[in-house]
Structure formats: structure tokens, C-alpha cells
Protein backbone atom coordinates (compact mmCIF):
# COMPACT_ATOMS: atom_id res chain seq x y z
CA MET A 1 -3.66 -21.05 -3.71
CA ILE A 2 -1.21 -18.88 -1.75
CA ASP A 3 2.55 -18.88 -1.63
CA ILE A 4 4.36 -18.00 1.58
CA HIS A 5 7.91 -16.70 1.35
CA ALA A 6 9.88 -16.03 4.52
CA GLY A 7 13.28 -14.46 5.03
CA LYS A 8 15.95 -16.56 6.76
CA THR A 9 15.31 -15.21 10.26
CA ALA A 10 11.53 -15.21 9.80
CA ALA A 11 11.51 -18.81 8.56
CA LYS A 12 13.59 -19.99 11.52
CA ILE A 13 11.30 -18.33 14.05
CA ILE A 14 8.10 -19.59 12.43
CA ASN A 15 9.44 -23.13 12.10
CA GLU A 16 10.31 -23.11 15.79
CA GLN A 17 7.30 -21.26 17.22
CA GLY A 18 4.56 -21.56 14.63
CA PHE A 19 2.77 -18.87 12.62
CA LYS A 20 1.58 -16.89 15.62
CA PRO A 21 0.06 -13.40 15.41
CA GLU A 22 2.07 -12.14 18.38
CA LEU A 23 5.33 -12.71 16.47
CA PHE A 24 4.51 -9.85 14.13
CA THR A 25 5.08 -6.21 15.04
CA SER A 26 4.74 -4.63 11.59
CA PHE A 27 2.50 -4.99 8.54
CA LEU A 28 3.37 -3.78 5.04
CA GLY A 29 0.97 -2.65 2.32
CA ALA A 30 2.36 -1.97 -1.15
CA SER A 31 1.38 0.42 -3.91
CA GLY A 32 -0.32 -0.95 -6.98
CA GLY A 33 -3.79 0.53 -7.34
CA PRO A 34 -6.49 -2.12 -7.92
CA LYS A 35 -3.88 -4.88 -7.87
CA TRP A 36 -4.64 -5.05 -4.15
CA PHE A 37 -8.07 -6.50 -4.98
CA THR A 38 -6.35 -9.91 -5.12
CA LEU A 39 -5.66 -9.51 -1.39
CA PHE A 40 -9.23 -8.61 -0.45
CA GLY A 41 -10.14 -11.96 1.12
CA LEU A 42 -6.78 -12.21 2.90
CA ASP A 43 -7.14 -8.69 4.29
CA LYS A 44 -10.52 -9.53 5.79
CA TYR A 45 -9.21 -12.77 7.28
CA ILE A 46 -6.01 -11.29 8.69
CA PHE A 47 -7.74 -8.40 10.46
CA GLY A 48 -11.04 -10.14 11.12
CA GLU A 49 -9.55 -13.37 12.50
CA PHE A 50 -5.75 -13.61 12.67
CA PHE A 51 -5.18 -10.31 14.50
CA LYS A 52 -8.68 -10.15 16.01
CA ASN A 53 -7.66 -10.47 19.67
CA ARG A 54 -4.35 -8.66 19.44
CA THR A 55 -3.27 -6.66 22.49
CA GLN A 56 0.19 -5.43 21.43
CA PRO A 57 0.78 -2.59 18.95
CA LEU A 58 1.17 -3.39 15.26
CA ASN A 59 2.68 -0.82 12.92
CA LEU A 60 0.74 -0.61 9.65
CA ILE A 61 3.00 0.84 6.96
CA GLY A 62 1.62 1.56 3.52
CA SER A 63 2.13 3.58 0.37
CA SER A 64 -0.66 4.45 -2.06
CA ALA A 65 -3.17 1.54 -2.08
CA GLY A 66 -1.30 0.06 0.89
CA ALA A 67 -1.83 3.28 2.82
CA PHE A 68 -5.56 3.20 2.04
CA ARG A 69 -5.71 -0.37 3.34
CA SER A 70 -3.81 0.64 6.48
CA ALA A 71 -6.38 3.38 7.09
CA CYS A 72 -9.06 0.69 7.02
CA PHE A 73 -7.25 -1.70 9.34
CA ALA A 74 -6.81 1.00 12.00
CA GLN A 75 -10.56 1.65 12.25
CA ASN A 76 -12.68 -0.01 14.92
CA ASP A 77 -14.23 -2.43 12.43
CA PRO A 78 -11.43 -3.15 9.93
CA VAL A 79 -13.43 -5.70 7.93
CA ALA A 80 -16.33 -3.31 7.36
CA ALA A 81 -13.85 -0.55 6.43
CA ILE A 82 -11.95 -2.64 3.87
CA GLU A 83 -15.29 -3.72 2.39
CA ARG A 84 -16.28 -0.07 2.02
CA LEU A 85 -12.96 0.65 0.32
CA GLY A 86 -13.34 -2.27 -2.06
CA LYS A 87 -16.90 -1.37 -2.98
CA SER A 88 -16.25 2.34 -3.42
CA TYR A 89 -13.05 1.84 -5.42
CA SER A 90 -14.34 -0.95 -7.66
CA GLN A 91 -17.62 0.79 -8.50
CA THR A 92 -15.99 4.08 -9.47
CA ARG A 93 -17.41 5.48 -12.70
CA TYR A 94 -16.19 8.57 -14.50
CA THR A 95 -18.42 10.91 -16.50
CA SER A 96 -15.92 11.15 -19.35
CA ASN A 97 -13.96 8.56 -21.31
CA LYS A 98 -10.74 10.40 -20.51
CA PRO A 99 -11.19 11.81 -17.00
CA THR A 100 -8.96 14.69 -16.01
CA PRO A 101 -6.70 14.67 -12.94
CA ALA A 102 -9.21 17.04 -11.32
CA GLU A 103 -12.11 14.60 -11.84
CA ILE A 104 -10.11 11.59 -10.64
CA THR A 105 -8.99 13.50 -7.55
CA LEU A 106 -12.56 14.56 -6.81
CA LYS A 107 -13.66 10.92 -6.99
CA ALA A 108 -10.81 9.94 -4.68
CA ARG A 109 -11.90 12.47 -2.06
CA ALA A 110 -15.45 11.08 -2.25
CA LEU A 111 -14.00 7.60 -1.77
CA LEU A 112 -12.24 8.77 1.39
CA ASP A 113 -15.52 10.07 2.76
CA ASP A 114 -17.09 6.64 2.14
CA VAL A 115 -14.23 4.79 3.79
CA PHE A 116 -14.00 7.00 6.88
CA GLY A 117 -17.67 7.68 7.50
CA GLU A 118 -18.35 9.93 10.47
CA HIS A 119 -15.79 8.61 12.96
CA GLY A 120 -13.07 6.89 10.93
CA VAL A 121 -10.42 9.58 11.32
CA THR A 122 -10.87 9.72 15.10
CA GLU A 123 -10.78 5.92 15.35
CA ILE A 124 -7.47 5.77 13.48
CA LEU A 125 -5.88 8.46 15.62
CA ASN A 126 -7.03 6.85 18.87
CA ASN A 127 -6.32 3.21 18.02
CA PRO A 128 -3.85 1.90 20.64
CA ILE A 129 -3.15 -1.36 18.77
CA PHE A 130 -3.20 -0.79 15.02
CA LYS A 131 -1.02 2.21 14.24
CA ALA A 132 -1.38 3.55 10.69
CA HIS A 133 1.52 5.06 8.72
CA PHE A 134 1.13 6.60 5.27
CA ILE A 135 4.22 7.06 3.09
CA VAL A 136 4.16 10.16 0.88
CA ALA A 137 6.71 11.53 -1.59
CA LYS A 138 7.33 15.28 -1.36
CA SER A 139 8.10 16.22 -4.94
CA ASN A 140 10.53 18.96 -5.86
CA GLY A 141 11.45 20.72 -9.10
CA PHE A 142 9.48 19.96 -12.27
CA ILE A 143 7.60 17.16 -10.49
CA ALA A 144 5.91 19.74 -8.28
CA SER A 145 4.20 21.35 -11.27
CA GLU A 146 0.58 20.58 -12.19
CA ASN A 147 1.36 21.38 -15.81
CA LYS A 148 1.39 17.98 -17.53
CA LEU A 149 4.23 18.76 -19.90
CA ILE A 150 6.48 20.11 -17.17
CA GLN A 151 5.57 17.22 -14.88
CA LEU A 152 6.35 14.76 -17.67
CA LEU A 153 9.77 16.33 -18.13
CA GLY A 154 10.41 15.83 -14.42
CA LEU A 155 9.28 12.21 -14.57
CA SER A 156 11.50 11.56 -17.57
CA LYS A 157 14.43 12.92 -15.60
CA SER A 158 13.47 10.65 -12.68
CA TYR A 159 13.39 7.62 -14.96
CA MET A 160 16.86 8.34 -16.31
CA LEU A 161 18.36 9.11 -12.91
CA ASN A 162 16.90 5.93 -11.45
CA ARG A 163 18.39 3.80 -14.21
CA VAL A 164 21.81 5.12 -13.27
CA ASN A 165 21.39 4.89 -9.49
CA ARG A 166 18.25 4.88 -7.35
CA LYS A 167 19.99 7.18 -4.87
CA LEU A 168 19.92 9.99 -7.43
CA LEU A 169 16.15 10.29 -7.02
CA GLY A 170 16.89 11.98 -3.71
CA SER A 171 17.40 15.22 -5.62
CA GLN A 172 13.72 15.17 -6.63
CA TYR A 173 11.88 13.38 -3.84
CA GLU A 174 11.76 13.28 -0.05
CA ARG A 175 10.04 10.57 1.97
CA PHE A 176 7.45 11.71 4.49
CA ILE A 177 5.92 9.18 6.88
CA PHE A 178 2.67 10.43 8.34
CA GLY A 179 2.24 8.17 11.33
CA ALA A 180 -0.01 7.49 14.28
CA PRO A 181 0.54 9.70 17.31
CA ASN A 182 3.22 8.28 19.61
CA SER A 183 4.45 5.97 16.86
CA ASN A 184 7.71 4.13 17.55
CA LEU A 185 8.34 3.20 13.91
CA SER A 186 12.01 3.36 12.93
CA ILE A 187 13.46 2.65 9.48
CA THR A 188 16.88 2.56 7.84
CA ASP A 189 17.19 3.32 4.14
CA SER A 190 20.44 2.38 2.40
CA TYR A 191 19.47 4.74 -0.45
CA ASN A 192 19.48 7.63 2.01
CA PHE A 193 16.30 9.37 0.91
CA LYS A 194 15.68 12.31 3.17
CA THR A 195 12.96 11.08 5.54
CA GLN A 196 10.72 12.97 7.96
CA ASN A 197 8.12 11.63 10.34
CA ILE A 198 4.97 13.71 10.78
CA PRO A 199 2.26 12.87 13.37
CA LEU A 200 -1.19 12.25 11.93
CA SER A 201 -3.90 14.59 13.17
CA GLN A 202 -7.50 15.58 12.52
CA THR A 203 -6.26 18.31 10.19
CA ASN A 204 -3.86 16.32 8.01
CA LEU A 205 -4.96 12.67 7.96
CA LYS A 206 -7.23 12.82 4.89
CA ASP A 207 -4.81 14.97 2.91
CA ALA A 208 -1.85 12.75 3.81
CA LEU A 209 -3.74 9.64 2.75
CA LEU A 210 -4.92 11.23 -0.49
CA ALA A 211 -1.36 12.38 -1.24
CA SER A 212 -0.03 8.87 -0.69
CA GLY A 213 -2.18 7.70 -3.59
CA SER A 214 -1.86 10.77 -5.85
CA ILE A 215 -0.31 9.21 -8.94
CA PRO A 216 1.70 11.68 -11.06
CA LEU A 217 -0.05 12.76 -14.29
CA VAL A 218 -3.17 10.82 -13.26
CA MET A 219 -4.19 12.82 -10.18
CA GLN A 220 -3.57 16.25 -8.75
CA GLY A 221 -0.92 16.46 -6.06
CA VAL A 222 -1.72 17.68 -2.56
CA LYS A 223 -0.17 21.00 -1.55
CA ASN A 224 0.93 22.16 1.89
CA ILE A 225 -0.30 19.33 4.11
CA ALA A 226 -0.98 20.59 7.64
CA GLY A 227 1.90 20.05 10.05
CA SER A 228 4.47 19.48 7.29
CA PRO A 229 6.73 21.74 5.20
CA GLN A 230 5.08 23.63 2.37
CA GLY A 231 5.29 21.98 -1.02
CA MET A 232 3.75 19.41 -3.34
CA TYR A 233 3.07 15.90 -2.08
CA ARG A 234 2.47 12.91 -4.34
CA ASP A 235 2.19 9.13 -4.45
CA GLY A 236 4.35 7.38 -1.86
CA GLY A 237 4.95 4.56 -4.32
CA ILE A 238 7.29 6.79 -6.32
CA ILE A 239 9.94 6.05 -3.69
CA ASP A 240 8.44 3.06 -1.89
CA TYR A 241 6.50 1.08 -4.47
CA HIS A 242 7.00 -2.32 -2.84
CA PHE A 243 9.67 -1.27 -0.30
CA ASP A 244 13.40 -1.74 -0.08
CA LEU A 245 14.10 -0.48 3.41
CA LYS A 246 14.78 -1.96 6.81
CA ILE A 247 12.23 -1.67 9.60
CA ASN A 248 14.27 -1.46 12.78
CA ASN A 249 11.52 -2.42 15.23
CA PRO A 250 11.99 -5.92 16.69
CA GLY A 251 9.64 -8.68 15.59
CA LEU A 252 8.51 -10.07 12.27
CA ILE A 253 6.85 -8.22 9.40
CA LEU A 254 3.74 -9.58 7.69
CA TYR A 255 3.51 -8.59 4.05
CA PRO A 256 0.55 -9.74 1.94
CA HIS A 257 1.53 -8.81 -1.61
CA PHE A 258 0.06 -9.40 -5.04
CA ASN A 259 3.27 -11.01 -6.32
CA SER A 260 6.43 -12.50 -4.88
CA GLU A 261 8.89 -10.21 -6.67
CA PRO A 262 8.81 -6.79 -4.98
CA LYS A 263 10.25 -3.71 -6.68
CA ALA A 264 11.78 -0.92 -4.63
CA GLY A 265 10.29 2.12 -6.35
CA TRP A 266 7.84 3.17 -9.04
CA PHE A 267 10.62 3.62 -11.60
CA ASP A 268 11.95 0.10 -10.97
CA LYS A 269 8.87 -1.60 -12.43
CA SER A 270 10.54 -2.27 -15.79
CA LEU A 271 14.01 -2.93 -14.36
CA LYS A 272 15.61 -6.17 -13.21
CA ARG A 273 16.94 -4.46 -10.08
CA LYS A 274 16.17 -6.57 -7.01
CA VAL A 275 15.48 -5.51 -3.45
CA ALA A 276 18.18 -6.13 -0.85
CA PRO A 277 17.73 -9.61 0.72
CA GLN A 278 18.76 -8.29 4.15
CA ASN A 279 15.73 -5.99 4.16
CA TYR A 280 13.49 -9.04 3.86
CA ASP A 281 15.27 -11.20 6.43
CA ASN A 282 12.43 -10.88 8.98
CA VAL A 283 9.60 -10.53 6.44
CA VAL A 284 6.89 -13.10 5.77
CA MET A 285 5.32 -12.47 2.37
CA ILE A 286 1.97 -13.98 1.39
CA SER A 287 1.03 -13.84 -2.28
CA PRO A 288 -1.48 -15.44 -4.65
CA SER A 289 0.02 -18.35 -6.56
CA LYS A 290 0.56 -18.10 -10.31
CA LYS A 291 -2.02 -20.85 -10.73
CA PHE A 292 -4.60 -18.81 -8.82
CA VAL A 293 -3.92 -15.72 -10.93
CA ALA A 294 -4.15 -17.74 -14.14
CA GLY A 295 -7.64 -18.84 -13.08
CA LEU A 296 -8.95 -15.28 -12.74
CA PRO A 297 -10.92 -13.62 -15.56
CA TYR A 298 -8.50 -12.55 -18.31
CA GLY A 299 -5.80 -14.60 -16.52
CA LYS A 300 -4.45 -11.60 -14.64
CA ILE A 301 -4.90 -9.51 -11.53
CA PRO A 302 -6.74 -6.17 -11.84
CA ASP A 303 -4.78 -3.05 -12.69
CA ARG A 304 -5.40 0.58 -13.60
CA SER A 305 -5.47 -0.19 -17.32
CA ASP A 306 -8.84 -1.85 -16.74
CA PHE A 307 -10.33 1.64 -16.49
CA THR A 308 -9.44 2.29 -20.12
CA ILE A 309 -9.60 -1.10 -21.84
CA LEU A 310 -12.91 -2.23 -20.33
CA ASP A 311 -16.26 -0.50 -20.20
CA ALA A 312 -17.49 0.28 -16.69
CA ASP A 313 -20.04 -2.56 -16.43
CA THR A 314 -17.54 -5.18 -17.64
CA ARG A 315 -14.81 -3.85 -15.37
CA ILE A 316 -17.01 -3.83 -12.28
CA LYS A 317 -18.26 -7.37 -12.97
CA TYR A 318 -14.66 -8.56 -13.43
CA TRP A 319 -13.47 -6.91 -10.24
CA ASN A 320 -16.39 -8.29 -8.23
CA THR A 321 -15.49 -11.76 -9.47
CA VAL A 322 -11.93 -11.23 -8.24
CA PHE A 323 -13.25 -10.18 -4.82
CA SER A 324 -15.24 -13.41 -4.57
CA GLU A 325 -12.35 -15.59 -5.73
CA THR A 326 -9.99 -14.15 -3.11
CA GLU A 327 -12.07 -15.76 -0.37
CA LYS A 328 -10.34 -18.97 -1.48
CA LEU A 329 -6.98 -17.44 -0.59
CA ALA A 330 -8.24 -16.73 2.92
CA GLU A 331 -9.48 -20.32 3.23
CA ASP A 332 -6.12 -21.65 2.05
CA PHE A 333 -4.22 -19.44 4.50
CA ASP A 334 -6.46 -20.61 7.35
CA LYS A 335 -5.86 -24.23 6.35
CA LYS A 336 -2.10 -23.73 6.26
CA LEU A 337 -2.13 -22.17 9.72
CA LYS A 338 -4.12 -25.05 11.19
CA THR A 339 -2.03 -27.77 9.54
CA ARG A 340 1.32 -25.93 9.93
CA THR A 341 2.03 -26.44 6.23
CA TYR A 342 3.38 -23.00 5.50
CA TYR A 343 5.72 -23.74 2.60
């Protein structure tokens, strides 16, 4: 059901000590919109059981959908929070066949209200164990415009620059990490994107999270987030789609992911460019097997195209089926932990 891939150092430690929760000091959550639905059962198991009695801090690092998941895991009841996120996201309906960025953004803000409830923001800020971090891309030049044509010109430039060298995207984007107060997260990026760390607060948490998932052309960007430089902030997956950076904190990194072939940035999706192996040396990646995915409705994992190719009732039924099926992934992971058959 699940495949477990471990970097060289991670594999050695796990083979010697077992798959113990205390070995992990960081948790990664990738971009990908509703693709994360395939991790729903695993998410509930990992934070409802595997990390249930944790006493040492765990850095939760996410972009876009991964950031939304991190915001759930840092609440007092992470399972209830991720269930709210799954329900609210999957049951989204738009009033028009071609919703505008303004309508999609409005729905996203309503989703945040569902996920946080009355006390969610305070719980995240005060959580001494699970420390949320949301990656956001500050967008400069044409990308900062809300005019679709101008924004498209900027994205076209990004695509061409990235094909030449990923480092060239640094002229258009800056990485902002909005992190838990007193965070000790440290990263190294060989692509040298300008990176700033901004503490999360009551006044910026919702905007930072919304910005992390604000897909260009699809949603409105978020302007002038409190506590950060003025400007336009957009989807963190533009720079860090599936991550190609080194987390400097000691310990292993747990990375549930919807496939076993991560791509560094949003513009790498169609490229053969691979992430640097050294950045995954201490990473343990858990992903659904190809056989599991083939057994899902339509033989694929959910994605944003489902909003346009399926009517709302069909889409919601399909996504609910995926939620149910992912409980099998949690059961398989639990079995592998108990029998020590990780690979």
C-alpha cells in the first residue's frame, strides 16, 4: 500500500534504532492542492497516534496545501482539524462554472475560518511541541500584478528563466518563512533564494497561510502581510513545490508525499530536473504505492483539474471515496511499524 524511501543516513539510523517518533525533528508538507487527499488517512494516524505522546519540538514546514496541513497539526486536536480541512476543501462548490480569482479567494478565506474555529490561531501560536512554518513567495515585477495578462507575462518569463537555471528565479521571487514564535528552524538553499524568517502572530497568521496557497492566476495574491515588507505574496510552491533545500536542524525529517519523485519548484513540474540527493539524506518519505493509486476511482490521485472536468456532485463523491481508501494506507503504515518491515 505505501512505499517508504529513506536517504542513506536516515535508513542507517532507522535500521539500527527502529522507526521511532523521537528520531524525527522536522515534518515536511508539499504543495499540490487536493493531491494531499491521498495522505488524509496517514495524516490522521501520524498526528493521532505516531506523534501523540511527543514531548520534544517538531518543526512543521509546509508550502501551499502542506502549509494548510501544518496549521492543522499545530492545533490542540490535530485529527479534528485535518478532518475539518478535508471536509471544507472537498465540499467546496462555486456559484459559477468559471469562478474568478476573487470568488476562489473568498471561498479560501471561509475555509480558513472553518479550519481554525474560535481558538485555532491561538493554539498554533502557543503550541510548544508542534511548531508551524508556512512558506510564502514574495512576488516582484509583473508577477505582483493582479492583471491576468501582465501576471501571465511574468509567469512566462519565470518558466523560461527556470529552464535555463533555477537560480534565475531569484530575480522575481523571495522566500518568506512565517514560523512559530521562538522557532529554531534553519535551512540552507544551494539556489540562494533570498530568504527571510517572519514570526507568526495573531495579526498575520491567516494572511500568511492564505498567501502560501494563493496560486497565481487562480487566486488573488495577499498584499502587505503584517510584520513583513510591503508587497505581493503568493503561493509558496512557486519556489518550494516539493522542496530542494537542506534543513540544518539535527534529527530526521518525516515527509509523507503523494509520490516518490519530488520536484523542487512549481516550474519544474514538466522538467526532468531532479532534487539534490544530499538534501534528502536524512529524509524518510512515505508515499502511496502505484498499485494503490491505480485502484482509486479514475486510476489517479485528485488534482485541481477535477474542479473543471467533473461536476460538483461527482467530484465530491470521488474525493470522499479517496478519503476512505486512504485509511488503508494508515493501516499499512501501522503494520510496517509493528513488524519492522519498512522497505
